[in-house]
């Protein structure tokens, strides 16, 4: 059995089990036609930027980890940015998620620090 075949059935069965379990949970908790938001369902509006940033970083990291486990060649970077013979970056979609998530986390941190600074500098009445 090849190494790819060894990974196929456990992953396929895990996906099947997860799919069935989540569908069963949804069937018991939602009425037909009822919808609920998934991202930010119980998240304060001020924390949504941080939540999305963490999700992007985690998803990108998980994608790169799966590539490293799946292939002896490691992570496959296939998006090549440059002009003529000058190449700037080579990356993949997971790297885009990590970078975008890191930027969102920096923005969320900056916003939180800025709002704390304003409230701390205002005199109390």
N, C-alpha and C. Protein backbone atom coordinates (compact mmCIF):
# COMPACT_ATOMS: atom_id res chain seq x y z
N UNK A 1 0.86 -1.18 0.00
CA UNK A 1 0.00 0.00 0.00
C UNK A 1 0.90 1.24 0.00
N UNK A 2 0.63 2.17 -0.89
CA UNK A 2 1.45 3.38 -0.97
C UNK A 2 1.14 4.31 0.20
N UNK A 3 2.04 5.27 0.41
CA UNK A 3 1.83 6.20 1.54
C UNK A 3 0.59 7.05 1.33
N UNK A 4 0.27 7.36 0.07
CA UNK A 4 -0.95 8.13 -0.19
C UNK A 4 -2.19 7.31 0.14
N UNK A 5 -2.17 6.04 -0.17
CA UNK A 5 -3.31 5.18 0.13
C UNK A 5 -3.49 5.01 1.64
N UNK A 6 -2.41 5.03 2.40
CA UNK A 6 -2.51 4.91 3.86
C UNK A 6 -3.23 6.12 4.47
N UNK A 7 -3.08 7.28 3.86
CA UNK A 7 -3.73 8.49 4.36
C UNK A 7 -5.16 8.62 3.85
N UNK A 8 -5.45 8.05 2.70
CA UNK A 8 -6.75 8.27 2.06
C UNK A 8 -7.92 7.79 2.91
N UNK A 9 -7.94 6.53 3.29
CA UNK A 9 -9.10 5.97 3.99
C UNK A 9 -9.32 6.58 5.37
N UNK A 10 -8.27 6.75 6.20
CA UNK A 10 -8.53 7.41 7.49
C UNK A 10 -9.08 8.82 7.33
N UNK A 11 -8.54 9.58 6.37
CA UNK A 11 -9.04 10.94 6.17
C UNK A 11 -10.46 10.93 5.61
N UNK A 12 -10.72 10.04 4.67
CA UNK A 12 -12.06 9.95 4.10
C UNK A 12 -13.08 9.57 5.16
N UNK A 13 -12.74 8.60 6.01
CA UNK A 13 -13.66 8.19 7.08
C UNK A 13 -13.84 9.29 8.13
N UNK A 14 -12.76 10.02 8.44
CA UNK A 14 -12.87 11.13 9.39
C UNK A 14 -13.79 12.21 8.84
N UNK A 15 -13.64 12.51 7.55
CA UNK A 15 -14.50 13.51 6.92
C UNK A 15 -15.96 13.04 6.91
N UNK A 16 -16.18 11.78 6.58
CA UNK A 16 -17.53 11.23 6.57
C UNK A 16 -18.15 11.30 7.96
N UNK A 17 -17.41 10.90 8.98
CA UNK A 17 -17.91 10.93 10.35
C UNK A 17 -18.24 12.36 10.77
N UNK A 18 -17.33 13.29 10.49
CA UNK A 18 -17.55 14.70 10.86
C UNK A 18 -18.76 15.27 10.14
N UNK A 19 -18.89 14.94 8.86
CA UNK A 19 -20.03 15.42 8.07
C UNK A 19 -21.34 14.90 8.66
N UNK A 20 -21.38 13.62 8.95
CA UNK A 20 -22.62 13.04 9.52
C UNK A 20 -22.93 13.62 10.90
N UNK A 21 -21.91 13.77 11.73
CA UNK A 21 -22.13 14.29 13.08
C UNK A 21 -22.62 15.73 13.05
N UNK A 22 -22.05 16.56 12.19
CA UNK A 22 -22.49 17.96 12.14
C UNK A 22 -23.89 18.08 11.57
N UNK A 23 -24.21 17.26 10.58
CA UNK A 23 -25.57 17.29 10.03
C UNK A 23 -26.59 16.86 11.08
N UNK A 24 -26.25 15.85 11.84
CA UNK A 24 -27.16 15.38 12.89
C UNK A 24 -27.37 16.47 13.93
N UNK A 25 -26.30 17.15 14.32
CA UNK A 25 -26.41 18.23 15.30
C UNK A 25 -27.28 19.36 14.78
N UNK A 26 -27.12 19.71 13.51
CA UNK A 26 -27.91 20.79 12.91
C UNK A 26 -29.37 20.38 12.82
N UNK A 27 -29.64 19.13 12.45
CA UNK A 27 -31.03 18.67 12.34
C UNK A 27 -31.77 18.79 13.67
N UNK A 28 -31.07 18.56 14.78
CA UNK A 28 -31.70 18.61 16.10
C UNK A 28 -31.85 20.04 16.64
N UNK A 29 -31.07 20.98 16.11
CA UNK A 29 -31.06 22.32 16.68
C UNK A 29 -31.73 23.38 15.82
N UNK A 30 -31.96 23.09 14.55
CA UNK A 30 -32.55 24.08 13.65
C UNK A 30 -33.83 23.54 13.02
N UNK A 31 -34.78 24.44 12.82
CA UNK A 31 -35.99 24.08 12.10
C UNK A 31 -35.69 24.15 10.60
N UNK A 32 -36.52 23.49 9.80
CA UNK A 32 -36.34 23.52 8.35
C UNK A 32 -36.43 24.96 7.86
N UNK A 33 -35.43 25.40 7.11
CA UNK A 33 -35.41 26.75 6.58
C UNK A 33 -34.80 27.79 7.50
N UNK A 34 -34.53 27.44 8.76
CA UNK A 34 -33.95 28.39 9.71
C UNK A 34 -32.45 28.50 9.44
N UNK A 35 -31.94 29.72 9.53
CA UNK A 35 -30.51 29.94 9.33
C UNK A 35 -29.92 30.66 10.54
N UNK A 36 -28.64 30.46 10.74
CA UNK A 36 -27.90 31.17 11.79
C UNK A 36 -26.53 31.53 11.23
N UNK A 37 -26.04 32.70 11.60
CA UNK A 37 -24.70 33.05 11.14
C UNK A 37 -23.65 32.15 11.80
N UNK A 38 -22.62 31.80 11.07
CA UNK A 38 -21.59 30.92 11.61
C UNK A 38 -20.45 31.74 12.20
N UNK A 39 -19.91 32.68 11.43
CA UNK A 39 -18.80 33.49 11.92
C UNK A 39 -19.36 34.62 12.78
N UNK A 40 -18.86 34.74 13.97
CA UNK A 40 -19.27 35.83 14.84
C UNK A 40 -20.62 35.63 15.49
N UNK A 41 -21.11 34.39 15.56
CA UNK A 41 -22.43 34.14 16.14
C UNK A 41 -22.54 34.65 17.57
N UNK A 42 -21.57 34.32 18.40
CA UNK A 42 -21.60 34.78 19.79
C UNK A 42 -20.42 35.68 20.09
N UNK A 43 -20.01 36.41 19.10
CA UNK A 43 -18.84 37.27 19.24
C UNK A 43 -19.29 38.72 19.30
N UNK A 44 -18.70 39.46 20.20
CA UNK A 44 -18.98 40.89 20.27
C UNK A 44 -18.52 41.54 18.98
N UNK A 45 -19.24 42.54 18.49
CA UNK A 45 -18.82 43.21 17.25
C UNK A 45 -17.40 43.74 17.31
N UNK A 46 -16.95 44.15 18.47
CA UNK A 46 -15.59 44.69 18.60
C UNK A 46 -14.52 43.59 18.48
N UNK A 47 -14.91 42.33 18.63
CA UNK A 47 -13.95 41.21 18.60
C UNK A 47 -13.97 40.45 17.27
N UNK A 48 -14.83 40.81 16.34
CA UNK A 48 -14.95 40.04 15.10
C UNK A 48 -13.71 40.12 14.24
N UNK A 49 -13.06 41.28 14.20
CA UNK A 49 -11.84 41.42 13.41
C UNK A 49 -10.77 40.48 13.93
N UNK A 50 -10.65 40.39 15.24
CA UNK A 50 -9.67 39.48 15.85
C UNK A 50 -10.03 38.03 15.54
N UNK A 51 -11.31 37.69 15.62
CA UNK A 51 -11.76 36.33 15.34
C UNK A 51 -11.43 35.92 13.91
N UNK A 52 -11.71 36.79 12.96
CA UNK A 52 -11.43 36.49 11.56
C UNK A 52 -9.93 36.36 11.34
N UNK A 53 -9.14 37.23 11.98
CA UNK A 53 -7.69 37.15 11.86
C UNK A 53 -7.14 35.84 12.38
N UNK A 54 -7.60 35.43 13.55
CA UNK A 54 -7.14 34.16 14.13
C UNK A 54 -7.56 32.99 13.24
N UNK A 55 -8.78 33.03 12.71
CA UNK A 55 -9.25 31.95 11.83
C UNK A 55 -8.40 31.86 10.57
N UNK A 56 -8.04 32.99 9.98
CA UNK A 56 -7.20 32.98 8.77
C UNK A 56 -5.81 32.44 9.07
N UNK A 57 -5.22 32.86 10.18
CA UNK A 57 -3.89 32.37 10.54
C UNK A 57 -3.94 30.86 10.82
N UNK A 58 -4.93 30.43 11.58
CA UNK A 58 -5.05 29.00 11.91
C UNK A 58 -5.31 28.17 10.66
N UNK A 59 -6.19 28.64 9.79
CA UNK A 59 -6.49 27.90 8.57
C UNK A 59 -5.28 27.80 7.66
N UNK A 60 -4.54 28.90 7.51
CA UNK A 60 -3.34 28.88 6.68
C UNK A 60 -2.27 27.97 7.26
N UNK A 61 -2.08 28.04 8.57
CA UNK A 61 -1.09 27.18 9.22
C UNK A 61 -1.47 25.71 9.08
N UNK A 62 -2.75 25.41 9.26
CA UNK A 62 -3.21 24.04 9.11
C UNK A 62 -3.03 23.55 7.68
N UNK A 63 -3.31 24.42 6.71
CA UNK A 63 -3.11 24.05 5.30
C UNK A 63 -1.66 23.73 5.00
N UNK A 64 -0.74 24.55 5.51
CA UNK A 64 0.68 24.28 5.30
C UNK A 64 1.13 23.03 6.03
N UNK A 65 0.57 22.79 7.22
CA UNK A 65 0.91 21.57 7.96
C UNK A 65 0.47 20.33 7.20
N UNK A 66 -0.74 20.37 6.66
CA UNK A 66 -1.23 19.23 5.87
C UNK A 66 -0.33 18.99 4.67
N UNK A 67 0.12 20.06 4.01
CA UNK A 67 1.05 19.91 2.89
C UNK A 67 2.34 19.23 3.33
N UNK A 68 2.87 19.64 4.47
CA UNK A 68 4.13 19.05 4.96
C UNK A 68 3.95 17.57 5.29
N UNK A 69 2.82 17.22 5.87
CA UNK A 69 2.57 15.81 6.22
C UNK A 69 2.30 14.99 4.97
N UNK A 70 1.55 15.54 4.05
CA UNK A 70 1.11 14.82 2.85
C UNK A 70 2.22 14.56 1.86
N UNK A 71 3.15 15.50 1.73
CA UNK A 71 4.14 15.40 0.66
C UNK A 71 5.55 15.47 1.21
N UNK A 72 6.42 14.62 0.68
CA UNK A 72 7.82 14.67 1.09
C UNK A 72 8.51 15.92 0.54
N UNK A 73 7.90 16.55 -0.47
CA UNK A 73 8.46 17.79 -1.04
C UNK A 73 8.14 19.00 -0.17
N UNK A 74 7.25 18.86 0.78
CA UNK A 74 6.89 19.96 1.66
C UNK A 74 5.78 20.81 1.09
N UNK A 75 5.74 22.06 1.48
CA UNK A 75 4.70 22.99 1.07
C UNK A 75 4.95 23.39 -0.39
N UNK A 76 3.88 23.39 -1.17
CA UNK A 76 3.98 23.77 -2.58
C UNK A 76 3.60 25.24 -2.73
N UNK A 77 4.57 26.07 -3.10
CA UNK A 77 4.32 27.48 -3.39
C UNK A 77 4.21 27.63 -4.89
N UNK A 78 3.07 28.12 -5.37
CA UNK A 78 2.82 28.15 -6.80
C UNK A 78 2.45 29.52 -7.35
N UNK A 79 2.26 30.50 -6.50
CA UNK A 79 1.95 31.85 -6.96
C UNK A 79 3.25 32.64 -6.97
N UNK A 80 3.69 33.03 -8.14
CA UNK A 80 4.98 33.69 -8.31
C UNK A 80 4.76 35.12 -8.76
N UNK A 81 5.21 36.07 -7.94
CA UNK A 81 5.00 37.49 -8.23
C UNK A 81 6.33 38.12 -8.63
N UNK A 82 6.31 38.86 -9.73
CA UNK A 82 7.51 39.55 -10.16
C UNK A 82 7.29 40.23 -11.48
N UNK A 83 8.32 40.95 -11.93
CA UNK A 83 8.29 41.63 -13.21
C UNK A 83 9.48 41.14 -14.02
N UNK A 84 9.21 40.60 -15.19
CA UNK A 84 10.25 40.06 -16.08
C UNK A 84 11.09 39.04 -15.32
N UNK A 85 12.40 39.24 -15.24
CA UNK A 85 13.27 38.29 -14.56
C UNK A 85 13.43 38.58 -13.07
N UNK A 86 12.84 39.67 -12.60
CA UNK A 86 12.93 40.03 -11.18
C UNK A 86 11.74 39.41 -10.45
N UNK A 87 12.03 38.47 -9.54
CA UNK A 87 10.98 37.77 -8.79
C UNK A 87 10.95 38.32 -7.37
N UNK A 88 9.77 38.62 -6.86
CA UNK A 88 9.64 39.18 -5.53
C UNK A 88 9.28 38.10 -4.52
N UNK A 89 8.12 37.49 -4.69
CA UNK A 89 7.65 36.51 -3.72
C UNK A 89 7.11 35.28 -4.45
N UNK A 90 7.18 34.16 -3.78
CA UNK A 90 6.52 32.94 -4.22
C UNK A 90 5.78 32.41 -3.00
N UNK A 91 4.49 32.16 -3.15
CA UNK A 91 3.67 31.77 -2.00
C UNK A 91 2.51 30.92 -2.47
N UNK A 92 1.65 30.51 -1.53
CA UNK A 92 0.45 29.75 -1.85
C UNK A 92 -0.75 30.39 -1.13
N UNK A 93 -1.90 29.79 -1.30
CA UNK A 93 -3.13 30.36 -0.72
C UNK A 93 -3.07 30.34 0.81
N UNK A 94 -2.48 29.31 1.39
CA UNK A 94 -2.37 29.25 2.85
C UNK A 94 -1.52 30.41 3.36
N UNK A 95 -0.45 30.73 2.65
CA UNK A 95 0.39 31.87 3.04
C UNK A 95 -0.39 33.18 2.96
N UNK A 96 -1.27 33.29 1.97
CA UNK A 96 -2.11 34.49 1.86
C UNK A 96 -3.01 34.61 3.08
N UNK A 97 -3.58 33.48 3.52
CA UNK A 97 -4.44 33.50 4.71
C UNK A 97 -3.67 33.89 5.96
N UNK A 98 -2.46 33.35 6.11
CA UNK A 98 -1.64 33.68 7.27
C UNK A 98 -1.30 35.17 7.28
N UNK A 99 -0.90 35.68 6.12
CA UNK A 99 -0.52 37.10 6.04
C UNK A 99 -1.72 38.01 6.28
N UNK A 100 -2.84 37.71 5.63
CA UNK A 100 -4.04 38.54 5.82
C UNK A 100 -4.51 38.47 7.26
N UNK A 101 -4.46 37.28 7.87
CA UNK A 101 -4.85 37.14 9.27
C UNK A 101 -3.94 37.92 10.20
N UNK A 102 -2.64 37.90 9.92
CA UNK A 102 -1.69 38.65 10.76
C UNK A 102 -1.96 40.15 10.66
N UNK A 103 -2.26 40.63 9.46
CA UNK A 103 -2.58 42.06 9.29
C UNK A 103 -3.85 42.41 10.05
N UNK A 104 -4.87 41.56 9.96
CA UNK A 104 -6.12 41.82 10.69
C UNK A 104 -5.89 41.80 12.20
N UNK A 105 -5.04 40.88 12.68
CA UNK A 105 -4.74 40.85 14.11
C UNK A 105 -4.01 42.11 14.55
N UNK A 106 -3.09 42.60 13.72
CA UNK A 106 -2.40 43.85 14.05
C UNK A 106 -3.38 45.02 14.09
N UNK A 107 -4.30 45.05 13.13
CA UNK A 107 -5.31 46.11 13.13
C UNK A 107 -6.20 46.02 14.37
N UNK A 108 -6.62 44.80 14.72
CA UNK A 108 -7.47 44.61 15.89
C UNK A 108 -6.73 45.00 17.16
N UNK A 109 -5.45 44.65 17.24
CA UNK A 109 -4.65 45.02 18.41
C UNK A 109 -4.48 46.53 18.49
N UNK A 110 -4.24 47.15 17.35
CA UNK A 110 -4.09 48.61 17.32
C UNK A 110 -5.37 49.32 17.72
N UNK A 111 -6.50 48.80 17.26
CA UNK A 111 -7.79 49.41 17.61
C UNK A 111 -8.06 49.26 19.10
N UNK A 112 -7.74 48.08 19.65
CA UNK A 112 -7.99 47.85 21.08
C UNK A 112 -7.07 48.72 21.93
N UNK A 113 -5.80 48.83 21.53
CA UNK A 113 -4.85 49.66 22.27
C UNK A 113 -5.26 51.13 22.18
N UNK A 114 -5.70 51.55 21.00
CA UNK A 114 -6.12 52.93 20.80
C UNK A 114 -7.34 53.26 21.66
N UNK A 115 -8.31 52.34 21.71
CA UNK A 115 -9.52 52.62 22.51
C UNK A 115 -9.18 52.61 24.00
N UNK A 116 -8.26 51.76 24.44
CA UNK A 116 -7.84 51.76 25.85
C UNK A 116 -7.12 53.05 26.20
N UNK A 117 -6.28 53.51 25.28
CA UNK A 117 -5.54 54.75 25.51
C UNK A 117 -6.47 55.94 25.64
N UNK A 118 -7.52 55.98 24.82
CA UNK A 118 -8.47 57.08 24.91
C UNK A 118 -9.23 57.05 26.23
N UNK A 119 -9.66 55.89 26.65
CA UNK A 119 -10.44 55.82 27.88
C UNK A 119 -9.56 56.08 29.11
N UNK A 120 -8.29 55.72 29.05
CA UNK A 120 -7.40 55.94 30.18
C UNK A 120 -6.97 57.40 30.29
N UNK A 121 -6.91 58.11 29.15
CA UNK A 121 -6.44 59.49 29.18
C UNK A 121 -7.55 60.48 29.51
N UNK A 122 -8.80 60.05 29.43
CA UNK A 122 -9.91 60.96 29.73
C UNK A 122 -10.09 61.05 31.25
N UNK A 123 -10.20 62.27 31.79
CA UNK A 123 -10.36 62.41 33.24
C UNK A 123 -11.73 61.88 33.68
N UNK A 124 -11.74 61.25 34.84
CA UNK A 124 -13.01 60.75 35.36
C UNK A 124 -13.76 61.89 36.05
N UNK A 125 -15.06 61.85 35.96
CA UNK A 125 -15.89 62.94 36.51
C UNK A 125 -16.36 62.63 37.91
